[in-house]
Amino acid sequence: MKQHHISKLLTTLSLIIVLIFTINCSSDDSSGNNSNPTPQLVTTGTIVAFTDTDVMSHSASQSIQIGGNDLNENVNVVASANYQVSIDDVSFTNQLTITKDAANAGNTTVYVRFSPAETAIGPITGSLAITSNQATSVTINLIGTGISITPVISTNFADLIFEDTEVQSISAALSLSVNGDNLDTGISLEVTEGFQISLDNTVFTDALEISAANANNETIVYLRFMPSIAGDITGTLTLQNAEADTVEIDLSGVGLPVIHNYVTFNSERLAFGGGYNQSSTQTFNLHNDLTNIAQVKMYIKLRCPSGGCDEWDVYANVKVRDVASGEMYELGRYITPYWNDNSQLERGFEFDVTDFKSLLTGSAELRIRTECWNDRGYEVTVDFDYIEGTPDYPYSAVSRLIAYDDWSSSGVPYGVAHNMDLDKSFTVPSNAESIHLRTIISGWGHATPNDTDGRPCAEWCYRTHDIKINGSNMFQHNLAPLGCASNPVNNQDPGNWQPDRAGWCPGMVVPPRIDNLSSIVAGNTLNFEYDYEDWVSDGLNGNAFYATSTFVIVKSNTPITKPNVVE
């Protein structure tokens, strides 16, 4: 019985071994061949950058070998634009075919060349695409440089912008690369007025030539800017050759005017008490020749003395003596900042005082005044810029109409009866070609009754005043807000500097108001009246004043006299 079971077990094991052997053999190809091989493209060799080649011609060829394994379709070889391929290095085209049998049998040599078209100038990139069905494609990158066979002039910039340069001065030079191709003769260069050119950055002229021997090489040309007038200046550099198209380079720069600066009062201490005065009057030598002065600007710089600045916003101005009348004419007015100076402005307060040019020449007497009421005050510096240029008119003259402007409280009383003369007549010179009025006005005081918005007069109440000419309202002066909170002199804390006043702000220039009378016929006599908007003070909170100055300015192309003012 036991022997029977052993025999049965051996029989079962034999069947299992046969079954395992059968399964293993069914998945094994003893020949080593795959019934579904993967097609494969094989390339050998490299292609480097082609030599520079004239357009519409061909470079020397380079070659690679193309073969395959188990390919089931032909091999396609396609060259991109400006490149060609060949099997025999004789007949070139943009694409060719290698049969699958030839590819599977071994390598086929394929020749590639650079053939730039007429417009393919400069570096030209391309590719060689090698494909066959089910095989992974192969891409070979190509590059060559096409050289024009057309005569041409080229530059590395289309325009040049020079640094701002003072009139009659010379800018730093800028360089320009000039290249010619296929030129048999030289390149001539010429610049327009205000610019110069050079080949050595030493000798400059307005025209030069690149010789024929150097025309097809890179040449560095230097250019510089020499403005003769102020303002934006444009010009052209022209490059010419009879064989090539003309090339023009745009040139531009800003001519800065020549400025003559005169410092008058220099850190002059103005204060009340402590041995100081609120005013200073001195004589200075200013610019003598006004024939080419287009503009005169005045700058006022305030500095705090060692003990600190005046803590109040106070009335201040600068005047010049009119020698003919003996009067002082107000050049500009400003209100000082609370507690501080105007160092936040690079040059301080700026005023255009060109209207007074005829008085600001040679020996001139000036007066500065700051209505401080303590011994702190300010250190005041006043300087003038005489800016060269062509004036609108070479001759001008100025006369005073009204001048109630020495102090804030010496202005015209507002809302009460007074005896100040606001009616004048003046005769315009017969050769006047430009006539205008220049008025500076600022209100002072907190007189009542307040306006409906709670504003007392004349510091806070918004008013519109009229200038009457020959009895008719011709101009209006609107004393409206100026935006005090946006004043760049904003270091005035704890002062009350941000609320809007009527036509002025603490720490700011009081703006002049210009009214053009040029339509009035020269030689006429005109009646003038400054008419303040009606309002009546109740006398319960002090007085109100309008410090007011008005001047008439005439200009001409011929020597001109002052307007004759009759009081």
Protein backbone atom coordinates (compact mmCIF):
# COMPACT_ATOMS: atom_id res chain seq x y z
CA MET A 1 0.00 0.00 0.00
CA LYS A 2 2.72 2.45 0.79
CA GLN A 3 4.63 1.63 -2.39
CA HIS A 4 1.49 2.33 -4.45
CA HIS A 5 1.22 5.88 -3.02
CA ILE A 6 4.87 6.64 -3.79
CA SER A 7 4.43 5.58 -7.38
CA LYS A 8 1.37 7.73 -7.74
CA LEU A 9 3.21 10.78 -6.32
CA LEU A 10 6.10 10.38 -8.76
CA THR A 11 3.70 10.27 -11.67
CA THR A 12 2.03 13.54 -10.53
CA LEU A 13 5.40 15.32 -10.18
CA SER A 14 6.41 14.27 -13.65
CA LEU A 15 3.25 15.82 -15.12
CA ILE A 16 3.89 19.10 -13.29
CA ILE A 17 7.48 19.31 -14.58
CA VAL A 18 6.36 18.69 -18.16
CA LEU A 19 3.68 21.39 -17.83
CA ILE A 20 6.16 23.98 -16.49
CA PHE A 21 8.64 23.23 -19.26
CA THR A 22 5.92 23.57 -21.85
CA ILE A 23 4.81 26.98 -20.53
CA ASN A 24 8.35 28.34 -20.40
CA CYS A 25 9.19 27.20 -23.88
CA SER A 26 6.03 28.79 -25.32
CA SER A 27 7.33 32.34 -24.43
CA ASP A 28 10.90 31.80 -25.61
CA ASP A 29 12.10 32.33 -29.19
CA SER A 30 15.20 30.16 -29.28
CA SER A 31 16.18 31.97 -32.52
CA GLY A 32 16.64 35.37 -30.69
CA ASN A 33 14.52 37.32 -33.27
CA ASN A 34 11.79 39.82 -32.20
CA SER A 35 8.63 39.45 -34.22
CA ASN A 36 7.82 43.25 -33.81
CA PRO A 37 11.15 45.20 -34.16
CA THR A 38 11.15 49.05 -33.62
CA PRO A 39 12.32 51.14 -36.66
CA GLN A 40 15.34 53.27 -35.86
CA LEU A 41 17.15 56.14 -37.65
CA VAL A 42 20.91 56.33 -37.23
CA THR A 43 23.01 59.44 -38.08
CA THR A 44 26.73 59.96 -37.72
CA GLY A 45 28.86 63.06 -38.21
CA THR A 46 28.28 66.73 -37.34
CA ILE A 47 27.64 69.94 -39.25
CA VAL A 48 29.33 73.13 -38.02
CA ALA A 49 28.59 76.76 -38.96
CA PHE A 50 28.95 77.41 -42.67
CA THR A 51 31.42 79.98 -43.94
CA ASP A 52 30.08 83.46 -44.75
CA THR A 53 28.42 83.20 -48.15
CA ASP A 54 27.30 85.76 -50.71
CA VAL A 55 23.55 85.80 -51.19
CA MET A 56 22.32 83.95 -54.30
CA SER A 57 25.39 81.66 -54.20
CA HIS A 58 26.43 78.52 -52.31
CA SER A 59 28.85 77.58 -49.57
CA ALA A 60 31.11 74.55 -49.61
CA SER A 61 29.17 71.45 -48.57
CA GLN A 62 29.41 69.43 -45.38
CA SER A 63 28.29 65.79 -45.00
CA ILE A 64 26.71 63.37 -42.57
CA GLN A 65 25.81 59.67 -42.83
CA ILE A 66 22.26 58.44 -42.51
CA GLY A 67 21.28 54.81 -41.94
CA GLY A 68 18.64 52.79 -40.16
CA ASN A 69 17.59 49.61 -38.41
CA ASP A 70 14.37 47.75 -39.17
CA LEU A 71 12.95 50.70 -41.17
CA ASN A 72 9.66 49.89 -42.86
CA GLU A 73 9.41 53.10 -44.89
CA ASN A 74 11.79 55.32 -46.87
CA VAL A 75 13.82 58.08 -45.17
CA ASN A 76 12.89 61.71 -46.00
CA VAL A 77 15.53 64.42 -45.63
CA VAL A 78 14.18 68.03 -45.76
CA ALA A 79 16.31 71.21 -45.53
CA SER A 80 14.73 74.50 -44.38
CA ALA A 81 14.84 77.70 -46.45
CA ASN A 82 18.31 78.89 -47.50
CA TYR A 83 19.82 75.37 -47.18
CA GLN A 84 20.06 72.46 -49.69
CA VAL A 85 20.87 68.69 -49.64
CA SER A 86 22.36 66.20 -52.10
CA ILE A 87 23.29 62.52 -52.43
CA ASP A 88 26.08 63.06 -54.95
CA ASP A 89 27.42 66.49 -53.91
CA VAL A 90 26.51 67.73 -57.38
CA SER A 91 22.74 68.00 -57.69
CA PHE A 92 21.28 69.89 -54.73
CA THR A 93 17.66 70.39 -53.75
CA ASN A 94 15.72 71.23 -50.59
CA GLN A 95 14.69 67.60 -49.94
CA LEU A 96 15.60 64.03 -50.91
CA THR A 97 14.63 60.41 -50.21
CA ILE A 98 16.73 57.43 -49.13
CA THR A 99 15.06 54.06 -49.71
CA LYS A 100 14.41 51.94 -46.65
CA ASP A 101 16.48 49.11 -48.11
CA ALA A 102 19.47 51.38 -48.67
CA ALA A 103 19.12 52.82 -45.19
CA ASN A 104 18.78 49.42 -43.53
CA ALA A 105 21.75 48.11 -45.54
CA GLY A 106 24.17 50.74 -44.27
CA ASN A 107 25.03 54.43 -44.15
CA THR A 108 24.23 56.81 -47.01
CA THR A 109 26.30 60.01 -47.27
CA VAL A 110 24.17 63.17 -47.49
CA TYR A 111 25.73 66.54 -48.42
CA VAL A 112 24.40 69.86 -47.02
CA ARG A 113 25.22 73.41 -48.18
CA PHE A 114 24.20 77.00 -47.31
CA SER A 115 22.44 78.75 -50.22
CA PRO A 116 21.21 82.16 -48.93
CA ALA A 117 18.46 83.87 -50.90
CA GLU A 118 18.79 87.53 -51.95
CA THR A 119 17.22 88.80 -48.75
CA ALA A 120 18.98 86.34 -46.41
CA ILE A 121 21.57 88.81 -45.11
CA GLY A 122 23.29 88.29 -41.79
CA PRO A 123 23.10 85.22 -39.50
CA ILE A 124 20.58 82.72 -40.91
CA THR A 125 19.50 79.72 -38.82
CA GLY A 126 17.90 76.62 -40.27
CA SER A 127 17.49 72.86 -39.77
CA LEU A 128 17.72 69.46 -41.44
CA ALA A 129 14.71 67.24 -40.66
CA ILE A 130 15.24 63.44 -41.06
CA THR A 131 12.09 61.30 -40.76
CA SER A 132 10.82 57.77 -41.43
CA ASN A 133 7.57 56.03 -40.48
CA GLN A 134 7.46 54.96 -36.80
CA ALA A 135 11.10 55.97 -36.27
CA THR A 136 12.06 58.79 -33.95
CA SER A 137 12.76 61.89 -36.09
CA VAL A 138 16.18 63.51 -36.08
CA THR A 139 16.72 67.31 -36.37
CA ILE A 140 20.11 68.84 -37.10
CA ASN A 141 20.49 72.61 -36.53
CA LEU A 142 22.17 74.70 -39.23
CA ILE A 143 23.62 78.24 -39.25
CA GLY A 144 25.36 80.45 -41.77
CA THR A 145 25.86 84.15 -42.50
CA GLY A 146 24.55 85.64 -45.71
CA ILE A 147 26.65 88.40 -47.25
CA SER A 148 24.94 91.02 -49.41
CA ILE A 149 26.14 91.43 -52.96
CA THR A 150 24.20 94.70 -53.26
CA PRO A 151 26.16 97.86 -52.46
CA VAL A 152 24.87 98.95 -49.05
CA ILE A 153 25.72 101.26 -46.13
CA SER A 154 24.69 100.14 -42.64
CA THR A 155 25.01 101.64 -39.14
CA ASN A 156 24.45 100.32 -35.63
CA PHE A 157 22.09 103.17 -34.63
CA ALA A 158 19.18 104.88 -36.37
CA ASP A 159 19.32 107.93 -34.07
CA LEU A 160 21.58 109.58 -31.52
CA ILE A 161 20.43 111.68 -28.54
CA PHE A 162 23.03 113.95 -26.95
CA GLU A 163 23.26 115.14 -23.37
CA ASP A 164 21.82 118.58 -22.57
CA THR A 165 24.53 121.09 -23.48
CA GLU A 166 24.92 124.80 -22.76
CA VAL A 167 24.76 127.10 -25.77
CA GLN A 168 28.19 127.66 -27.38
CA SER A 169 29.56 124.66 -25.48
CA ILE A 170 30.45 121.17 -26.71
CA SER A 171 28.89 117.90 -25.60
CA ALA A 172 30.73 114.64 -24.98
CA ALA A 173 31.14 112.69 -28.22
CA LEU A 174 28.96 109.72 -29.17
CA SER A 175 30.23 106.98 -31.49
CA LEU A 176 28.57 105.35 -34.48
CA SER A 177 29.67 102.21 -36.34
CA VAL A 178 29.50 102.56 -40.15
CA ASN A 179 29.79 99.49 -42.41
CA GLY A 180 29.82 99.31 -46.20
CA ASP A 181 29.37 96.20 -48.35
CA ASN A 182 30.22 95.80 -52.03
CA LEU A 183 31.23 99.45 -52.40
CA ASP A 184 33.83 100.48 -54.97
CA THR A 185 34.00 104.12 -53.86
CA GLY A 186 34.11 105.98 -50.54
CA ILE A 187 31.31 107.07 -48.21
CA SER A 188 30.69 110.79 -47.69
CA LEU A 189 29.27 111.98 -44.36
CA GLU A 190 27.70 115.36 -43.57
CA VAL A 191 25.89 116.77 -40.53
CA THR A 192 23.48 119.68 -40.22
CA GLU A 193 24.12 122.83 -38.16
CA GLY A 194 24.66 122.29 -34.46
CA PHE A 195 26.50 118.97 -34.85
CA GLN A 196 30.02 117.90 -35.87
CA ILE A 197 31.72 114.64 -36.91
CA SER A 198 35.20 113.15 -36.66
CA LEU A 199 37.11 109.96 -37.51
CA ASP A 200 39.63 110.30 -34.67
CA ASN A 201 37.57 111.99 -31.90
CA THR A 202 40.01 114.91 -32.07
CA VAL A 203 39.50 116.90 -35.26
CA PHE A 204 35.81 117.65 -35.83
CA THR A 205 34.10 119.13 -38.88
CA ASP A 206 30.69 119.21 -40.54
CA ALA A 207 31.68 116.89 -43.44
CA LEU A 208 34.19 114.09 -44.05
CA GLU A 209 34.76 110.98 -46.17
CA ILE A 210 35.54 107.34 -45.49
CA SER A 211 37.97 106.34 -48.24
CA ALA A 212 37.20 103.64 -50.80
CA ALA A 213 39.92 101.48 -49.25
CA ASN A 214 38.02 101.49 -45.92
CA ALA A 215 34.47 101.75 -47.21
CA ASN A 216 33.73 98.02 -46.87
CA ASN A 217 35.21 97.75 -43.37
CA GLU A 218 33.80 98.86 -40.04
CA THR A 219 34.59 102.52 -39.35
CA ILE A 220 33.89 104.28 -36.03
CA VAL A 221 32.57 107.82 -36.53
CA TYR A 222 32.41 110.28 -33.60
CA LEU A 223 29.70 112.94 -33.31
CA ARG A 224 29.26 115.86 -30.92
CA PHE A 225 26.61 118.49 -30.21
CA MET A 226 27.38 122.25 -30.35
CA PRO A 227 24.14 124.21 -29.85
CA SER A 228 24.10 127.84 -30.92
CA ILE A 229 20.62 128.51 -29.52
CA ALA A 230 18.66 127.31 -26.52
CA GLY A 231 15.88 124.74 -26.79
CA ASP A 232 15.23 121.43 -28.53
CA ILE A 233 17.51 121.01 -31.53
CA THR A 234 17.26 118.31 -34.19
CA GLY A 235 19.57 117.48 -37.06
CA THR A 236 20.68 114.77 -39.47
CA LEU A 237 23.81 112.81 -40.29
CA THR A 238 23.70 111.87 -43.99
CA LEU A 239 25.82 108.99 -45.36
CA GLN A 240 26.07 108.81 -49.15
CA ASN A 241 27.65 106.64 -51.83
CA ALA A 242 26.72 106.76 -55.52
CA GLU A 243 26.32 102.98 -55.58
CA ALA A 244 24.16 102.56 -52.47
CA ASP A 245 20.99 103.99 -50.94
CA THR A 246 21.53 107.09 -48.80
CA VAL A 247 21.36 106.52 -45.03
CA GLU A 248 20.18 109.24 -42.62
CA ILE A 249 20.71 109.20 -38.84
CA ASP A 250 18.47 111.43 -36.70
CA LEU A 251 20.35 113.65 -34.25
CA SER A 252 18.84 115.54 -31.31
CA GLY A 253 19.83 117.43 -28.19
CA VAL A 254 18.72 120.21 -25.88
CA GLY A 255 20.62 123.49 -25.92
CA LEU A 256 20.76 124.99 -22.45
CA PRO A 257 20.83 128.77 -22.29
CA VAL A 258 23.87 130.62 -20.97
CA ILE A 259 23.02 131.97 -17.54
CA HIS A 260 24.72 134.87 -15.78
CA ASN A 261 24.14 134.67 -12.04
CA TYR A 262 24.36 137.59 -9.61
CA VAL A 263 24.11 137.16 -5.85
CA THR A 264 22.86 140.29 -4.10
CA PHE A 265 21.79 139.97 -0.46
CA ASN A 266 23.73 137.04 0.98
CA SER A 267 22.35 135.50 4.20
CA GLU A 268 21.11 138.95 5.24
CA ARG A 269 19.53 138.70 8.72
CA LEU A 270 16.06 140.25 8.90
CA ALA A 271 14.28 140.33 12.26
CA PHE A 272 12.66 142.69 14.78
CA GLY A 273 14.81 143.46 17.81
CA GLY A 274 18.15 142.01 18.86
CA GLY A 275 19.91 144.67 16.82
CA TYR A 276 18.26 143.53 13.57
CA ASN A 277 15.86 145.29 11.19
CA GLN A 278 12.90 144.06 9.20
CA SER A 279 14.31 145.65 6.02
CA SER A 280 17.62 146.05 4.24
CA THR A 281 18.36 148.34 1.29
CA GLN A 282 21.59 148.02 -0.68
CA THR A 283 23.01 148.78 -4.12
CA PHE A 284 24.41 146.02 -6.35
CA ASN A 285 26.04 145.82 -9.76
CA LEU A 286 23.90 143.67 -12.04
CA HIS A 287 24.14 142.58 -15.69
CA ASN A 288 24.96 145.48 -18.01
CA ASP A 289 24.14 144.23 -21.51
CA LEU A 290 20.49 143.23 -21.91
CA THR A 291 20.45 142.90 -25.70
CA ASN A 292 20.54 139.10 -25.66
CA ILE A 293 18.80 138.49 -22.32
CA ALA A 294 15.53 136.66 -22.87
CA GLN A 295 14.54 136.20 -19.24
CA VAL A 296 15.47 137.33 -15.74
CA LYS A 297 14.65 135.16 -12.75
CA MET A 298 14.95 135.99 -9.08
CA TYR A 299 15.44 133.42 -6.30
CA ILE A 300 14.93 133.97 -2.59
CA LYS A 301 16.45 131.49 -0.17
CA LEU A 302 15.40 131.58 3.48
CA ARG A 303 17.51 130.02 6.23
CA CYS A 304 16.78 129.75 9.90
CA PRO A 305 19.29 131.50 12.17
CA SER A 306 20.87 129.54 15.02
CA GLY A 307 17.97 130.35 17.32
CA GLY A 308 15.35 129.09 14.86
CA CYS A 309 12.96 130.77 12.42
CA ASP A 310 10.01 133.04 13.04
CA GLU A 311 7.06 130.88 14.11
CA TRP A 312 4.54 132.91 12.08
CA ASP A 313 3.61 133.21 8.41
CA VAL A 314 4.48 136.81 7.60
CA TYR A 315 4.30 139.19 4.64
CA ALA A 316 7.57 139.73 2.74
CA ASN A 317 8.73 141.19 -0.58
CA VAL A 318 11.65 142.45 -2.69
CA LYS A 319 11.71 145.84 -4.43
CA VAL A 320 13.90 147.69 -6.91
CA ARG A 321 14.39 151.44 -7.20
CA ASP A 322 13.00 153.11 -10.34
CA VAL A 323 15.56 155.85 -10.79
CA ALA A 324 13.27 157.97 -12.98
CA SER A 325 10.50 158.28 -10.37
CA GLY A 326 12.52 157.55 -7.24
CA GLU A 327 9.92 154.94 -6.21
CA MET A 328 10.50 151.36 -5.14
CA TYR A 329 8.77 148.83 -7.44
CA GLU A 330 7.69 145.45 -6.07
CA LEU A 331 9.53 142.66 -7.90
CA GLY A 332 8.00 139.79 -5.98
CA ARG A 333 6.04 138.94 -2.84
CA TYR A 334 5.98 135.84 -0.70
CA ILE A 335 4.62 134.66 2.64
CA THR A 336 7.15 133.03 4.97
CA PRO A 337 6.57 129.49 6.28
CA TYR A 338 5.54 128.82 9.85
CA TRP A 339 8.52 127.87 12.03
CA ASN A 340 10.82 126.96 9.16
CA ASP A 341 12.72 127.97 6.02
CA ASN A 342 12.23 127.05 2.35
CA SER A 343 15.15 124.61 2.13
CA GLN A 344 12.82 122.04 0.57
CA LEU A 345 13.13 124.11 -2.62
CA GLU A 346 16.57 123.75 -4.22
CA ARG A 347 16.96 127.45 -4.93
CA GLY A 348 14.18 128.79 -2.76
CA PHE A 349 11.26 130.82 -4.08
CA GLU A 350 11.42 131.54 -7.82
CA PHE A 351 10.10 134.69 -9.52
CA ASP A 352 10.06 135.70 -13.18
CA VAL A 353 11.03 139.39 -13.04
CA THR A 354 11.67 139.93 -16.75
CA ASP A 355 9.04 142.70 -16.70
CA PHE A 356 11.50 144.77 -14.64
CA LYS A 357 14.51 144.02 -16.83
CA SER A 358 14.98 147.69 -17.70
CA LEU A 359 15.53 148.46 -13.99
CA LEU A 360 17.63 145.39 -13.16
CA THR A 361 20.77 146.46 -14.98
CA GLY A 362 24.02 148.09 -13.99
CA SER A 363 23.97 149.69 -10.56
CA ALA A 364 20.58 148.84 -9.00
CA GLU A 365 19.19 149.60 -5.56
CA LEU A 366 17.25 146.72 -3.98
CA ARG A 367 15.24 146.42 -0.79
CA ILE A 368 14.21 143.25 1.04
CA ARG A 369 11.59 143.24 3.77
CA THR A 370 10.23 140.51 6.02
CA GLU A 371 7.45 141.48 8.43
CA CYS A 372 8.85 139.56 11.39
CA TRP A 373 7.90 140.70 14.89
CA ASN A 374 10.53 138.86 16.91
CA ASP A 375 14.32 138.71 16.96
CA ARG A 376 14.51 135.34 15.19
CA GLY A 377 13.50 136.22 11.69
CA TYR A 378 15.38 134.80 8.72
CA GLU A 379 18.69 134.86 6.91
CA VAL A 380 17.73 135.95 3.38
CA THR A 381 19.72 135.40 0.17
CA VAL A 382 18.57 136.91 -3.13
CA ASP A 383 20.18 136.05 -6.45
CA PHE A 384 19.31 136.69 -10.10
CA ASP A 385 19.72 134.58 -13.25
CA TYR A 386 20.09 136.51 -16.51
CA ILE A 387 19.24 133.91 -19.13
CA GLU A 388 20.61 134.47 -22.61
CA GLY A 389 18.38 134.08 -25.63
CA THR A 390 16.33 136.12 -28.06
CA PRO A 391 13.95 138.35 -26.08
CA ASP A 392 10.37 138.66 -27.27
CA TYR A 393 11.10 142.37 -27.68
CA PRO A 394 14.51 144.00 -27.26
CA TYR A 395 13.13 147.11 -25.49
CA SER A 396 10.78 147.42 -22.52
CA ALA A 397 9.72 149.92 -19.87
CA VAL A 398 7.57 149.82 -16.73
CA SER A 399 5.51 152.35 -14.76
CA ARG A 400 3.67 152.07 -11.46
CA LEU A 401 -0.13 152.42 -11.41
CA ILE A 402 -0.81 151.64 -7.75
CA ALA A 403 1.58 150.48 -5.01
CA TYR A 404 0.00 149.90 -1.61
CA ASP A 405 2.38 147.10 -0.79
CA ASP A 406 4.99 148.12 1.81
CA TRP A 407 3.36 146.12 4.62
CA SER A 408 0.38 143.82 4.99
CA SER A 409 -1.44 146.50 6.97
CA SER A 410 -0.51 149.30 4.56
CA GLY A 411 -2.65 147.74 1.87
CA VAL A 412 -6.00 149.11 0.75
CA PRO A 413 -8.55 148.97 3.62
CA TYR A 414 -11.37 146.59 2.71
CA GLY A 415 -15.01 147.03 3.60
CA VAL A 416 -14.58 150.56 4.98
CA ALA A 417 -14.28 154.05 3.55
CA HIS A 418 -10.74 155.19 2.71
CA ASN A 419 -8.93 157.84 0.69
CA MET A 420 -6.50 155.69 -1.27
CA ASP A 421 -6.34 156.52 -4.99
CA LEU A 422 -7.32 153.51 -7.12
CA ASP A 423 -8.14 155.52 -10.28
CA LYS A 424 -5.33 156.45 -12.66
CA SER A 425 -4.86 157.33 -16.28
CA PHE A 426 -1.84 156.43 -18.39
CA THR A 427 -0.69 157.06 -21.92
CA VAL A 428 0.75 154.18 -23.93
CA PRO A 429 3.85 155.10 -25.99
CA SER A 430 3.06 155.28 -29.70
CA ASN A 431 5.60 152.58 -30.61
CA ALA A 432 4.38 150.03 -28.04
CA GLU A 433 3.88 146.59 -29.58
CA SER A 434 3.08 144.70 -26.37
CA ILE A 435 1.21 146.09 -23.34
CA HIS A 436 0.22 144.28 -20.15
CA LEU A 437 -0.62 144.89 -16.51
CA ARG A 438 1.10 143.03 -13.67
CA THR A 439 -0.70 142.86 -10.32
CA ILE A 440 0.23 141.25 -7.00
CA ILE A 441 -2.50 141.12 -4.38
CA SER A 442 -2.92 139.39 -1.01
CA GLY A 443 -5.46 139.92 1.76
CA TRP A 444 -4.78 140.33 5.46
CA GLY A 445 -6.96 140.43 8.56
CA HIS A 446 -9.87 138.53 10.11
CA ALA A 447 -12.55 141.17 9.83
CA THR A 448 -16.24 140.28 10.15
CA PRO A 449 -18.96 139.56 9.29
CA ASN A 450 -17.78 136.14 8.18
CA ASP A 451 -18.95 134.73 4.88
CA THR A 452 -21.61 132.02 5.05
CA ASP A 453 -18.80 129.40 5.04
CA GLY A 454 -17.30 131.01 8.17
CA ARG A 455 -14.44 132.82 6.44
CA PRO A 456 -13.45 136.30 7.70
CA CYS A 457 -11.79 138.92 5.48
CA ALA A 458 -9.45 139.53 3.87
CA GLU A 459 -7.10 136.58 4.55
CA TRP A 460 -9.76 133.90 4.17
CA CYS A 461 -12.72 135.27 2.23
CA TYR A 462 -12.75 134.32 -1.47
CA ARG A 463 -13.34 137.40 -3.60
CA THR A 464 -13.34 138.43 -7.26
CA HIS A 465 -12.04 141.92 -8.08
CA ASP A 466 -12.36 143.83 -11.35
CA ILE A 467 -9.93 145.93 -13.34
CA LYS A 468 -11.80 148.61 -15.20
CA ILE A 469 -10.37 150.17 -18.36
CA ASN A 470 -12.15 153.30 -19.54
CA GLY A 471 -14.99 152.52 -17.13
CA SER A 472 -15.66 148.96 -18.32
CA ASN A 473 -14.81 145.73 -16.51
CA MET A 474 -12.00 144.27 -18.63
CA PHE A 475 -10.22 141.81 -16.31
CA GLN A 476 -11.10 139.88 -13.16
CA HIS A 477 -8.85 138.68 -10.35
CA ASN A 478 -10.30 135.68 -8.57
CA LEU A 479 -8.76 135.27 -5.13
CA ALA A 480 -9.52 131.56 -4.91
CA PRO A 481 -7.76 128.63 -3.17
CA LEU A 482 -4.27 127.70 -4.39
CA GLY A 483 -4.08 124.28 -2.73
CA CYS A 484 -2.07 125.14 0.38
CA ALA A 485 -1.99 121.53 1.63
CA SER A 486 0.01 120.46 -1.46
CA ASN A 487 2.69 123.14 -0.95
CA PRO A 488 6.14 121.46 -1.28
CA VAL A 489 7.29 123.64 1.64
CA ASN A 490 5.42 121.34 3.99
CA ASN A 491 7.74 121.36 7.02
CA GLN A 492 5.64 124.02 8.78
CA ASP A 493 4.24 122.11 11.74
CA PRO A 494 2.80 123.04 14.14
CA GLY A 495 1.71 126.02 12.05
CA ASN A 496 -1.74 126.30 10.50
CA TRP A 497 -0.36 126.11 6.92
CA GLN A 498 -2.66 123.63 5.20
CA PRO A 499 -6.04 125.46 5.09
CA ASP A 500 -6.58 127.51 1.91
CA ARG A 501 -6.30 131.26 2.06
CA ALA A 502 -7.73 133.65 -0.54
CA GLY A 503 -5.14 133.61 -3.32
CA TRP A 504 -2.03 132.83 -1.25
CA CYS A 505 -0.47 130.21 1.06
CA PRO A 506 2.07 130.23 3.90
CA GLY A 507 5.51 129.34 2.57
CA MET A 508 4.68 130.21 -1.02
CA VAL A 509 5.12 132.91 -3.65
CA VAL A 510 2.13 135.23 -4.02
CA PRO A 511 1.39 134.77 -7.74
CA PRO A 512 1.48 137.78 -10.07
CA ARG A 513 -1.62 138.28 -12.22
CA ILE A 514 -0.96 139.25 -15.86
CA ASP A 515 -3.60 141.07 -17.94
CA ASN A 516 -2.83 141.59 -21.63
CA LEU A 517 -3.71 144.98 -23.11
CA SER A 518 -2.00 144.47 -26.47
CA SER A 519 -5.29 144.89 -28.32
CA ILE A 520 -5.35 148.52 -27.13
CA VAL A 521 -4.04 150.85 -29.84
CA ALA A 522 -0.62 152.26 -29.00
CA GLY A 523 -0.57 155.98 -28.28
CA ASN A 524 -3.93 155.93 -26.47
CA THR A 525 -4.60 157.35 -23.03
CA LEU A 526 -6.45 154.84 -20.83
CA ASN A 527 -8.35 155.23 -17.59
CA PHE A 528 -7.57 152.54 -15.01
CA GLU A 529 -9.44 151.56 -11.83
CA TYR A 530 -8.89 148.68 -9.43
CA ASP A 531 -12.36 147.75 -8.14
CA TYR A 532 -12.58 145.44 -5.09
CA GLU A 533 -15.67 143.25 -4.73
CA ASP A 534 -18.28 144.97 -2.55
CA TRP A 535 -18.33 143.99 1.11
CA VAL A 536 -18.96 145.98 4.30
CA SER A 537 -17.05 145.38 7.53
CA ASP A 538 -18.96 145.48 10.81
CA GLY A 539 -15.79 146.60 12.62
CA LEU A 540 -16.11 143.93 15.30
CA ASN A 541 -12.96 141.88 14.66
CA GLY A 542 -10.25 144.25 13.47
CA ASN A 543 -9.55 145.53 9.99
CA ALA A 544 -9.08 143.93 6.57
CA PHE A 545 -6.49 145.00 4.00
CA TYR A 546 -5.51 144.15 0.42
CA ALA A 547 -1.84 144.80 -0.21
CA THR A 548 -1.92 145.63 -3.91
CA SER A 549 0.62 146.62 -6.55
CA THR A 550 -0.14 147.08 -10.25
CA PHE A 551 2.37 148.02 -12.96
CA VAL A 552 1.98 148.65 -16.68
CA ILE A 553 4.70 147.15 -18.89
CA VAL A 554 5.27 148.11 -22.53
CA LYS A 555 7.59 146.45 -25.05
CA SER A 556 8.81 147.30 -28.53
CA ASN A 557 11.30 146.48 -31.25
CA THR A 558 12.46 150.10 -31.06
CA PRO A 559 13.62 152.10 -28.03
CA ILE A 560 10.61 152.90 -25.85
CA THR A 561 9.79 155.28 -22.99
CA LYS A 562 7.81 154.59 -19.83
CA PRO A 563 4.02 154.96 -19.97
CA ASN A 564 3.05 158.35 -18.58
CA VAL A 565 0.87 157.85 -15.48
CA VAL A 566 -1.38 160.69 -14.27
CA GLU A 567 -2.40 160.48 -10.60
